[in-house]
Every structure is written in structure tokens, then in C-alpha cells.
Amino acid sequence: MKSLPTRVIGIGQPAAGDDNAGIAVVRALREQPLPPGVEIHEVTDPALLIDLLDGIRYAILIDALVSEDNPGNIVFLTPDELATCRAMPLSSHGMSVTDAIELVNTLASNSIPGNIHIIGITIASPGHYSHAMSAAITAAVPRAAGLITQLLENKKFHVVPDTELADSQTG
């Protein structure tokens, strides 16, 4: 029997400045050795998560979160926490990450992974159009990639100790 994959999915818009954070992280992960069974994906439309979250063991989603916090902070959330937190994923499409996860839960509740985790990189509310990411977000990309590598290697999908999260945020 084929084992179920773990998918790491970066969400963002490569031509939209800091909203490219999720895509930049998965591109950095492609440059690192990863455990067997890990698949890396990029999506520009959260609706594409519906197919990617079907029939997998674990999913780690990486996205930019518009927040009043300092840009470049890394936060670790469950889908329930994402749905209720004050930091919001940036979406230029009709469906958000939370909407996609809820739809998968409704349509394919038997195949949705028991473990979906979201790594968010906080960004300021976009004020102007830019292709380049800010310095704070650019610096957060390798830190987020390192955190995800640790999660994958150590199978720490249930709980990330506060000290690890604090270390990842301060860099």
C-alpha cells in the first residue's frame, strides 16, 4: 500500500511584493534535503488547496498574514486558530485559505488530513504595488523554511514548543 504524502504548500502571488512570502519559502525548501514522502507545491489561488489537501497525511501551509504586528514575525496556527485570529491571510481571489479548508472538510471529510498546520509570515497591509518583497519578509523566508524543515525532520506536527516558535520569530 502506498503511504500518504506530506504536502508543504506555499500560497501567494509572486508578483505582489510581500504576498509572495509563502511561495518564497517553498522555493527555499526546494534547495534543502527533505525527508522522503514530502511534496512541495506552490499555489496562487487558495481554491487549488481543495485538490492538494485531499488524500494526504499532513499538510503545512505557508502564507502571508496581514497583521498589525511587526512584519516578518512567524506564527504557527491550526486551521481553527487561523479562522479566528486577528491576522488575516492576504487573498486577491474570492476564496481564502480558511474557506478552502472548510470546503475540503465538508466535501471530503474522510480524506482530509488530521494535521493541517499553517505557518504565517506577518506582513503590513499592502499600500502600493511592488514586485519585490520588503527586507523584513525577505529575512523571514529562511527562518520559516528552517522551522518547516525542523517540523518535517522531527515530525513535530502536533505542538511546537513556545521556545522554538520564539526562536523562529527572533531569528
N, C-alpha and C. Protein backbone atom coordinates (compact mmCIF):
# COMPACT_ATOMS: atom_id res chain seq x y z
N MET A 1 0.83 -1.18 0.00
CA MET A 1 0.00 0.00 0.00
C MET A 1 0.88 1.25 0.00
N LYS A 2 0.54 2.19 -0.84
CA LYS A 2 1.30 3.43 -0.95
C LYS A 2 1.04 4.31 0.27
N SER A 3 2.11 4.84 0.86
CA SER A 3 1.92 5.71 2.02
C SER A 3 1.44 7.08 1.54
N LEU A 4 0.71 7.73 2.41
CA LEU A 4 0.17 9.05 2.09
C LEU A 4 1.27 10.09 2.21
N PRO A 5 1.27 11.07 1.30
CA PRO A 5 2.33 12.08 1.34
C PRO A 5 2.06 13.16 2.38
N THR A 6 3.12 13.86 2.69
CA THR A 6 3.04 15.12 3.43
C THR A 6 3.24 16.21 2.39
N ARG A 7 2.35 17.17 2.37
CA ARG A 7 2.47 18.26 1.40
C ARG A 7 2.77 19.57 2.12
N VAL A 8 3.77 20.26 1.59
CA VAL A 8 4.10 21.59 2.05
C VAL A 8 3.69 22.52 0.91
N ILE A 9 2.78 23.45 1.22
CA ILE A 9 2.16 24.25 0.17
C ILE A 9 2.36 25.73 0.47
N GLY A 10 3.06 26.39 -0.43
CA GLY A 10 3.25 27.84 -0.33
C GLY A 10 2.15 28.56 -1.09
N ILE A 11 1.56 29.54 -0.45
CA ILE A 11 0.45 30.28 -1.03
C ILE A 11 0.87 31.73 -1.19
N GLY A 12 0.59 32.30 -2.35
CA GLY A 12 0.93 33.71 -2.54
C GLY A 12 0.88 34.13 -3.98
N GLN A 13 1.31 35.34 -4.21
CA GLN A 13 1.36 35.95 -5.54
C GLN A 13 2.79 36.41 -5.80
N PRO A 14 3.50 35.71 -6.69
CA PRO A 14 4.91 36.06 -6.92
C PRO A 14 5.14 37.50 -7.38
N ALA A 15 4.16 38.13 -7.98
CA ALA A 15 4.34 39.50 -8.45
C ALA A 15 3.67 40.51 -7.55
N ALA A 16 3.45 40.15 -6.27
CA ALA A 16 2.72 41.05 -5.38
C ALA A 16 3.47 41.34 -4.09
N GLY A 17 4.75 41.60 -4.19
CA GLY A 17 5.53 42.03 -3.04
C GLY A 17 5.53 41.03 -1.91
N ASP A 18 5.18 41.47 -0.71
CA ASP A 18 5.23 40.62 0.47
C ASP A 18 4.24 39.46 0.44
N ASP A 19 3.23 39.53 -0.40
CA ASP A 19 2.30 38.41 -0.53
C ASP A 19 2.99 37.20 -1.16
N ASN A 20 4.20 37.37 -1.63
CA ASN A 20 4.97 36.25 -2.19
C ASN A 20 5.65 35.41 -1.10
N ALA A 21 5.46 35.73 0.16
CA ALA A 21 6.18 35.07 1.25
C ALA A 21 6.03 33.54 1.21
N GLY A 22 4.82 33.03 1.08
CA GLY A 22 4.61 31.58 1.07
C GLY A 22 5.32 30.89 -0.08
N ILE A 23 5.24 31.49 -1.26
CA ILE A 23 5.91 30.93 -2.44
C ILE A 23 7.43 30.96 -2.23
N ALA A 24 7.94 32.07 -1.70
CA ALA A 24 9.38 32.19 -1.47
C ALA A 24 9.88 31.13 -0.50
N VAL A 25 9.09 30.81 0.52
CA VAL A 25 9.50 29.80 1.50
C VAL A 25 9.59 28.42 0.83
N VAL A 26 8.59 28.03 0.05
CA VAL A 26 8.66 26.70 -0.56
C VAL A 26 9.76 26.63 -1.60
N ARG A 27 10.06 27.73 -2.25
CA ARG A 27 11.19 27.74 -3.19
C ARG A 27 12.50 27.56 -2.43
N ALA A 28 12.61 28.14 -1.24
CA ALA A 28 13.81 27.93 -0.41
C ALA A 28 13.88 26.48 0.05
N LEU A 29 12.73 25.88 0.37
CA LEU A 29 12.71 24.48 0.81
C LEU A 29 13.17 23.53 -0.29
N ARG A 30 12.89 23.87 -1.53
CA ARG A 30 13.32 23.02 -2.66
C ARG A 30 14.84 22.92 -2.74
N GLU A 31 15.54 23.86 -2.13
CA GLU A 31 17.00 23.87 -2.14
C GLU A 31 17.60 23.04 -1.00
N GLN A 32 16.74 22.47 -0.15
CA GLN A 32 17.21 21.72 1.02
C GLN A 32 16.81 20.26 0.90
N PRO A 33 17.60 19.37 1.50
CA PRO A 33 17.17 17.97 1.54
C PRO A 33 15.96 17.83 2.47
N LEU A 34 14.96 17.13 2.01
CA LEU A 34 13.75 16.92 2.81
C LEU A 34 13.53 15.43 3.00
N PRO A 35 12.81 15.05 4.04
CA PRO A 35 12.53 13.63 4.28
C PRO A 35 11.73 13.02 3.11
N PRO A 36 11.83 11.71 2.94
CA PRO A 36 11.05 11.04 1.90
C PRO A 36 9.55 11.25 2.12
N GLY A 37 8.80 11.31 1.04
CA GLY A 37 7.35 11.43 1.13
C GLY A 37 6.85 12.86 1.26
N VAL A 38 7.76 13.84 1.20
CA VAL A 38 7.36 15.24 1.30
C VAL A 38 7.27 15.82 -0.11
N GLU A 39 6.12 16.40 -0.41
CA GLU A 39 5.89 17.06 -1.69
C GLU A 39 5.80 18.56 -1.45
N ILE A 40 6.39 19.33 -2.36
CA ILE A 40 6.37 20.79 -2.28
C ILE A 40 5.48 21.32 -3.41
N HIS A 41 4.58 22.24 -3.07
CA HIS A 41 3.66 22.82 -4.06
C HIS A 41 3.58 24.32 -3.86
N GLU A 42 3.28 25.03 -4.96
CA GLU A 42 3.00 26.46 -4.93
C GLU A 42 1.59 26.67 -5.46
N VAL A 43 0.83 27.54 -4.81
CA VAL A 43 -0.49 27.90 -5.32
C VAL A 43 -0.66 29.42 -5.26
N THR A 44 -1.27 29.94 -6.29
CA THR A 44 -1.58 31.37 -6.32
C THR A 44 -3.05 31.62 -6.05
N ASP A 45 -3.84 30.56 -6.04
CA ASP A 45 -5.27 30.66 -5.78
C ASP A 45 -5.63 29.64 -4.70
N PRO A 46 -6.08 30.07 -3.52
CA PRO A 46 -6.40 29.14 -2.45
C PRO A 46 -7.41 28.06 -2.84
N ALA A 47 -8.21 28.28 -3.87
CA ALA A 47 -9.15 27.25 -4.30
C ALA A 47 -8.41 25.98 -4.74
N LEU A 48 -7.16 26.11 -5.17
CA LEU A 48 -6.38 24.94 -5.58
C LEU A 48 -6.02 24.04 -4.40
N LEU A 49 -6.16 24.56 -3.18
CA LEU A 49 -5.89 23.74 -1.99
C LEU A 49 -6.86 22.57 -1.89
N ILE A 50 -8.04 22.71 -2.45
CA ILE A 50 -9.05 21.66 -2.32
C ILE A 50 -8.51 20.33 -2.83
N ASP A 51 -7.91 20.30 -4.00
CA ASP A 51 -7.34 19.05 -4.53
C ASP A 51 -6.07 18.66 -3.78
N LEU A 52 -5.25 19.63 -3.41
CA LEU A 52 -3.98 19.31 -2.76
C LEU A 52 -4.14 18.78 -1.34
N LEU A 53 -5.25 19.10 -0.69
CA LEU A 53 -5.47 18.61 0.67
C LEU A 53 -6.20 17.29 0.73
N ASP A 54 -6.59 16.77 -0.41
CA ASP A 54 -7.31 15.51 -0.45
C ASP A 54 -6.33 14.33 -0.45
N GLY A 55 -6.55 13.38 0.42
CA GLY A 55 -5.78 12.13 0.43
C GLY A 55 -4.34 12.25 0.88
N ILE A 56 -4.08 13.06 1.88
CA ILE A 56 -2.72 13.21 2.38
C ILE A 56 -2.66 12.98 3.88
N ARG A 57 -1.46 12.75 4.37
CA ARG A 57 -1.26 12.52 5.81
C ARG A 57 -1.17 13.84 6.57
N TYR A 58 -0.30 14.73 6.13
CA TYR A 58 -0.08 16.02 6.78
C TYR A 58 -0.01 17.10 5.72
N ALA A 59 -0.34 18.31 6.13
CA ALA A 59 -0.16 19.47 5.27
C ALA A 59 0.38 20.62 6.11
N ILE A 60 1.36 21.29 5.54
CA ILE A 60 1.88 22.52 6.13
C ILE A 60 1.65 23.59 5.08
N LEU A 61 0.85 24.59 5.43
CA LEU A 61 0.55 25.69 4.52
C LEU A 61 1.34 26.90 4.97
N ILE A 62 1.93 27.61 4.01
CA ILE A 62 2.69 28.81 4.32
C ILE A 62 2.06 29.96 3.57
N ASP A 63 1.74 31.04 4.30
CA ASP A 63 1.08 32.17 3.66
C ASP A 63 1.46 33.46 4.39
N ALA A 64 1.28 34.57 3.68
CA ALA A 64 1.43 35.89 4.29
C ALA A 64 0.17 36.20 5.08
N LEU A 65 0.33 36.80 6.25
CA LEU A 65 -0.80 37.20 7.08
C LEU A 65 -0.72 38.70 7.32
N VAL A 66 -1.74 39.42 6.89
CA VAL A 66 -1.79 40.86 7.14
C VAL A 66 -2.05 41.05 8.63
N SER A 67 -1.16 41.80 9.27
CA SER A 67 -1.24 41.95 10.72
C SER A 67 -0.72 43.31 11.14
N GLU A 68 -1.15 43.74 12.32
CA GLU A 68 -0.59 44.96 12.91
C GLU A 68 0.72 44.68 13.61
N ASP A 69 1.08 43.39 13.76
CA ASP A 69 2.36 43.03 14.36
C ASP A 69 3.49 43.45 13.42
N ASN A 70 4.70 43.38 13.93
CA ASN A 70 5.86 43.71 13.11
C ASN A 70 5.94 42.79 11.91
N PRO A 71 6.16 43.33 10.71
CA PRO A 71 6.33 42.48 9.53
C PRO A 71 7.51 41.53 9.73
N GLY A 72 7.31 40.30 9.29
CA GLY A 72 8.37 39.30 9.38
C GLY A 72 8.26 38.36 10.55
N ASN A 73 7.29 38.57 11.44
CA ASN A 73 7.07 37.60 12.52
C ASN A 73 6.54 36.31 11.92
N ILE A 74 6.92 35.21 12.52
CA ILE A 74 6.46 33.90 12.05
C ILE A 74 5.50 33.36 13.11
N VAL A 75 4.31 32.96 12.66
CA VAL A 75 3.32 32.41 13.57
C VAL A 75 2.93 31.02 13.12
N PHE A 76 2.60 30.19 14.08
CA PHE A 76 2.23 28.79 13.85
C PHE A 76 0.77 28.65 14.27
N LEU A 77 -0.11 28.27 13.34
CA LEU A 77 -1.54 28.21 13.61
C LEU A 77 -2.16 26.91 13.15
N THR A 78 -3.25 26.54 13.80
CA THR A 78 -4.11 25.47 13.30
C THR A 78 -5.18 26.13 12.43
N PRO A 79 -5.92 25.36 11.62
CA PRO A 79 -7.00 25.97 10.84
C PRO A 79 -8.02 26.71 11.70
N ASP A 80 -8.36 26.16 12.86
CA ASP A 80 -9.31 26.84 13.74
C ASP A 80 -8.76 28.17 14.24
N GLU A 81 -7.49 28.19 14.58
CA GLU A 81 -6.88 29.43 15.03
C GLU A 81 -6.82 30.46 13.91
N LEU A 82 -6.54 30.00 12.68
CA LEU A 82 -6.50 30.91 11.54
C LEU A 82 -7.86 31.56 11.33
N ALA A 83 -8.92 30.76 11.48
CA ALA A 83 -10.27 31.28 11.25
C ALA A 83 -10.66 32.34 12.27
N THR A 84 -10.03 32.34 13.44
CA THR A 84 -10.43 33.28 14.48
C THR A 84 -9.37 34.31 14.84
N CYS A 85 -8.19 34.24 14.23
CA CYS A 85 -7.13 35.19 14.63
C CYS A 85 -7.34 36.54 13.97
N ARG A 86 -6.71 37.54 14.57
CA ARG A 86 -6.87 38.89 14.03
C ARG A 86 -5.98 39.13 12.81
N ALA A 87 -4.91 38.35 12.67
CA ALA A 87 -4.08 38.42 11.46
C ALA A 87 -4.80 37.63 10.38
N MET A 88 -4.90 38.18 9.20
CA MET A 88 -5.67 37.54 8.15
C MET A 88 -4.79 37.22 6.95
N PRO A 89 -5.01 36.03 6.33
CA PRO A 89 -4.28 35.73 5.10
C PRO A 89 -4.67 36.74 4.03
N LEU A 90 -3.73 37.11 3.21
CA LEU A 90 -3.99 38.03 2.11
C LEU A 90 -4.46 37.21 0.93
N SER A 91 -5.62 37.53 0.39
CA SER A 91 -6.13 36.80 -0.76
C SER A 91 -6.68 37.79 -1.77
N SER A 92 -6.20 37.67 -3.00
CA SER A 92 -6.73 38.52 -4.06
C SER A 92 -7.80 37.78 -4.85
N HIS A 93 -8.19 36.61 -4.36
CA HIS A 93 -9.21 35.80 -5.02
C HIS A 93 -10.44 35.71 -4.13
N GLY A 94 -11.49 35.11 -4.64
CA GLY A 94 -12.74 35.02 -3.90
C GLY A 94 -12.68 34.05 -2.74
N MET A 95 -11.80 33.04 -2.78
CA MET A 95 -11.74 32.03 -1.74
C MET A 95 -10.48 32.23 -0.92
N SER A 96 -10.63 32.20 0.40
CA SER A 96 -9.48 32.32 1.29
C SER A 96 -8.97 30.93 1.64
N VAL A 97 -7.84 30.89 2.32
CA VAL A 97 -7.30 29.62 2.81
C VAL A 97 -8.29 28.95 3.75
N THR A 98 -8.87 29.74 4.65
CA THR A 98 -9.86 29.19 5.59
C THR A 98 -11.06 28.63 4.84
N ASP A 99 -11.55 29.34 3.82
CA ASP A 99 -12.68 28.85 3.02
C ASP A 99 -12.33 27.52 2.35
N ALA A 100 -11.13 27.40 1.80
CA ALA A 100 -10.73 26.17 1.12
C ALA A 100 -10.67 25.00 2.09
N ILE A 101 -10.11 25.21 3.27
CA ILE A 101 -10.03 24.14 4.27
C ILE A 101 -11.42 23.72 4.71
N GLU A 102 -12.30 24.68 4.94
CA GLU A 102 -13.68 24.35 5.33
C GLU A 102 -14.40 23.57 4.24
N LEU A 103 -14.18 23.93 2.97
CA LEU A 103 -14.81 23.21 1.87
C LEU A 103 -14.29 21.78 1.78
N VAL A 104 -12.99 21.59 1.95
CA VAL A 104 -12.44 20.23 1.94
C VAL A 104 -13.04 19.42 3.09
N ASN A 105 -13.15 20.02 4.26
CA ASN A 105 -13.77 19.31 5.39
C ASN A 105 -15.19 18.89 5.09
N THR A 106 -15.92 19.73 4.38
CA THR A 106 -17.31 19.43 4.03
C THR A 106 -17.41 18.35 2.95
N LEU A 107 -16.59 18.48 1.90
CA LEU A 107 -16.70 17.58 0.75
C LEU A 107 -15.99 16.25 0.93
N ALA A 108 -14.90 16.24 1.65
CA ALA A 108 -14.07 15.04 1.73
C ALA A 108 -13.60 14.80 3.15
N SER A 109 -14.53 14.79 4.08
CA SER A 109 -14.14 14.71 5.49
C SER A 109 -13.38 13.44 5.83
N ASN A 110 -13.54 12.37 5.03
CA ASN A 110 -12.80 11.14 5.30
C ASN A 110 -11.36 11.20 4.80
N SER A 111 -11.07 12.11 3.87
CA SER A 111 -9.72 12.12 3.32
C SER A 111 -8.91 13.34 3.73
N ILE A 112 -9.51 14.28 4.43
CA ILE A 112 -8.76 15.45 4.88
C ILE A 112 -7.76 15.03 5.94
N PRO A 113 -6.55 15.55 5.88
CA PRO A 113 -5.57 15.14 6.89
C PRO A 113 -5.98 15.60 8.28
N GLY A 114 -5.63 14.79 9.25
CA GLY A 114 -5.90 15.17 10.63
C GLY A 114 -4.98 16.29 11.09
N ASN A 115 -3.97 16.53 10.34
CA ASN A 115 -2.98 17.53 10.74
C ASN A 115 -2.71 18.52 9.62
N ILE A 116 -3.37 19.65 9.69
CA ILE A 116 -3.06 20.77 8.80
C ILE A 116 -2.50 21.85 9.70
N HIS A 117 -1.34 22.35 9.34
CA HIS A 117 -0.71 23.41 10.11
C HIS A 117 -0.41 24.57 9.19
N ILE A 118 -0.53 25.74 9.71
CA ILE A 118 -0.29 26.95 8.93
C ILE A 118 0.88 27.70 9.54
N ILE A 119 1.85 28.00 8.70
CA ILE A 119 2.95 28.88 9.08
C ILE A 119 2.64 30.20 8.40
N GLY A 120 2.46 31.23 9.20
CA GLY A 120 2.17 32.55 8.65
C GLY A 120 3.34 33.48 8.86
N ILE A 121 3.58 34.30 7.86
CA ILE A 121 4.58 35.36 7.98
C ILE A 121 3.80 36.67 7.97
N THR A 122 3.91 37.43 9.06
CA THR A 122 3.13 38.66 9.14
C THR A 122 3.69 39.71 8.19
N ILE A 123 2.75 40.39 7.52
CA ILE A 123 3.10 41.48 6.61
C ILE A 123 2.22 42.68 6.94
N ALA A 124 2.67 43.85 6.55
CA ALA A 124 1.84 45.05 6.68
C ALA A 124 0.78 45.03 5.59
N SER A 125 -0.29 45.72 5.82
CA SER A 125 -1.34 45.82 4.81
C SER A 125 -0.74 46.47 3.57
N PRO A 126 -0.91 45.84 2.41
CA PRO A 126 -0.30 46.40 1.19
C PRO A 126 -0.81 47.81 0.91
N GLY A 127 0.12 48.73 0.73
CA GLY A 127 -0.26 50.11 0.45
C GLY A 127 0.00 50.51 -0.98
N HIS A 128 0.88 49.75 -1.63
CA HIS A 128 1.21 50.04 -3.03
C HIS A 128 1.66 48.76 -3.71
N TYR A 129 1.65 48.76 -5.00
CA TYR A 129 2.04 47.59 -5.78
C TYR A 129 3.56 47.51 -5.88
N SER A 130 4.11 46.33 -5.64
CA SER A 130 5.55 46.13 -5.73
C SER A 130 5.84 44.69 -6.09
N HIS A 131 6.82 44.47 -6.94
CA HIS A 131 7.25 43.10 -7.26
C HIS A 131 8.20 42.55 -6.20
N ALA A 132 8.92 43.42 -5.51
CA ALA A 132 9.94 42.98 -4.55
C ALA A 132 9.34 42.84 -3.14
N MET A 133 9.85 41.85 -2.41
CA MET A 133 9.46 41.72 -1.01
C MET A 133 10.28 42.69 -0.18
N SER A 134 9.70 43.12 0.94
CA SER A 134 10.42 44.02 1.85
C SER A 134 11.57 43.27 2.52
N ALA A 135 12.47 44.02 3.12
CA ALA A 135 13.63 43.43 3.80
C ALA A 135 13.19 42.51 4.95
N ALA A 136 12.16 42.91 5.70
CA ALA A 136 11.70 42.10 6.83
C ALA A 136 11.15 40.76 6.37
N ILE A 137 10.43 40.74 5.29
CA ILE A 137 9.85 39.49 4.78
C ILE A 137 10.93 38.64 4.14
N THR A 138 11.83 39.26 3.42
CA THR A 138 12.95 38.52 2.82
C THR A 138 13.77 37.82 3.90
N ALA A 139 13.99 38.50 5.03
CA ALA A 139 14.74 37.90 6.14
C ALA A 139 13.96 36.78 6.83
N ALA A 140 12.63 36.85 6.80
CA ALA A 140 11.81 35.82 7.44
C ALA A 140 11.76 34.53 6.64
N VAL A 141 11.99 34.59 5.34
CA VAL A 141 11.87 33.40 4.49
C VAL A 141 12.79 32.26 4.94
N PRO A 142 14.09 32.46 5.12
CA PRO A 142 14.93 31.33 5.57
C PRO A 142 14.58 30.85 6.98
N ARG A 143 14.14 31.76 7.85
CA ARG A 143 13.73 31.34 9.19
C ARG A 143 12.51 30.43 9.11
N ALA A 144 11.52 30.79 8.29
CA ALA A 144 10.33 29.95 8.13
C ALA A 144 10.69 28.62 7.49
N ALA A 145 11.56 28.64 6.49
CA ALA A 145 11.99 27.38 5.85
C ALA A 145 12.69 26.49 6.87
N GLY A 146 13.51 27.07 7.74
CA GLY A 146 14.19 26.29 8.77
C GLY A 146 13.21 25.68 9.76
N LEU A 147 12.20 26.43 10.15
CA LEU A 147 11.18 25.91 11.06
C LEU A 147 10.44 24.74 10.42
N ILE A 148 10.10 24.88 9.16
CA ILE A 148 9.38 23.80 8.47
C ILE A 148 10.27 22.57 8.33
N THR A 149 11.55 22.76 8.03
CA THR A 149 12.48 21.64 7.95
C THR A 149 12.54 20.90 9.28
N GLN A 150 12.58 21.65 10.39
CA GLN A 150 12.59 21.02 11.72
C GLN A 150 11.30 20.24 11.95
N LEU A 151 10.18 20.83 11.60
CA LEU A 151 8.89 20.14 11.77
C LEU A 151 8.88 18.83 10.99
N LEU A 152 9.36 18.86 9.77
CA LEU A 152 9.36 17.66 8.94
C LEU A 152 10.32 16.60 9.47
N GLU A 153 11.51 17.02 9.86
CA GLU A 153 12.51 16.06 10.35
C GLU A 153 12.12 15.45 11.69
N ASN A 154 11.53 16.25 12.55
CA ASN A 154 11.20 15.79 13.89
C ASN A 154 9.76 15.34 14.04
N LYS A 155 9.00 15.42 12.95
CA LYS A 155 7.58 15.04 12.97
C LYS A 155 6.83 15.79 14.06
N LYS A 156 7.17 17.06 14.26
CA LYS A 156 6.51 17.88 15.29
C LYS A 156 5.30 18.56 14.66
N PHE A 157 4.28 17.77 14.39
CA PHE A 157 3.10 18.33 13.76
C PHE A 157 2.04 18.72 14.76
N HIS A 158 2.11 18.22 15.97
CA HIS A 158 1.05 18.49 16.93
C HIS A 158 1.32 19.75 17.74
N VAL A 159 2.54 19.91 18.25
CA VAL A 159 2.84 21.04 19.10
C VAL A 159 4.24 21.54 18.78
N VAL A 160 4.37 22.84 18.62
CA VAL A 160 5.68 23.45 18.53
C VAL A 160 5.90 24.17 19.85
N PRO A 161 6.92 23.76 20.62
CA PRO A 161 7.16 24.41 21.91
C PRO A 161 7.33 25.92 21.74
N ASP A 162 6.85 26.67 22.74
CA ASP A 162 6.93 28.13 22.69
C ASP A 162 8.34 28.61 22.45
N THR A 163 9.33 27.92 23.00
CA THR A 163 10.72 28.37 22.82
C THR A 163 11.15 28.26 21.37
N GLU A 164 10.72 27.21 20.68
CA GLU A 164 11.05 27.08 19.26
C GLU A 164 10.41 28.19 18.46
N LEU A 165 9.13 28.46 18.73
CA LEU A 165 8.43 29.49 18.00
C LEU A 165 9.06 30.86 18.27
N ALA A 166 9.39 31.13 19.52
CA ALA A 166 10.02 32.40 19.86
C ALA A 166 11.37 32.53 19.15
N ASP A 167 12.15 31.43 19.13
CA ASP A 167 13.44 31.46 18.44
C ASP A 167 13.25 31.75 16.96
N SER A 168 12.21 31.16 16.35
CA SER A 168 12.00 31.36 14.93
C SER A 168 11.58 32.80 14.64
N GLN A 169 10.92 33.44 15.59
CA GLN A 169 10.45 34.79 15.36
C GLN A 169 11.57 35.82 15.54
N THR A 170 12.53 35.50 16.38
CA THR A 170 13.59 36.47 16.64
C THR A 170 14.81 36.22 15.79
N GLY A 171 14.85 35.05 15.16
CA GLY A 171 15.83 34.77 14.18
C GLY A 171 17.17 34.42 14.49
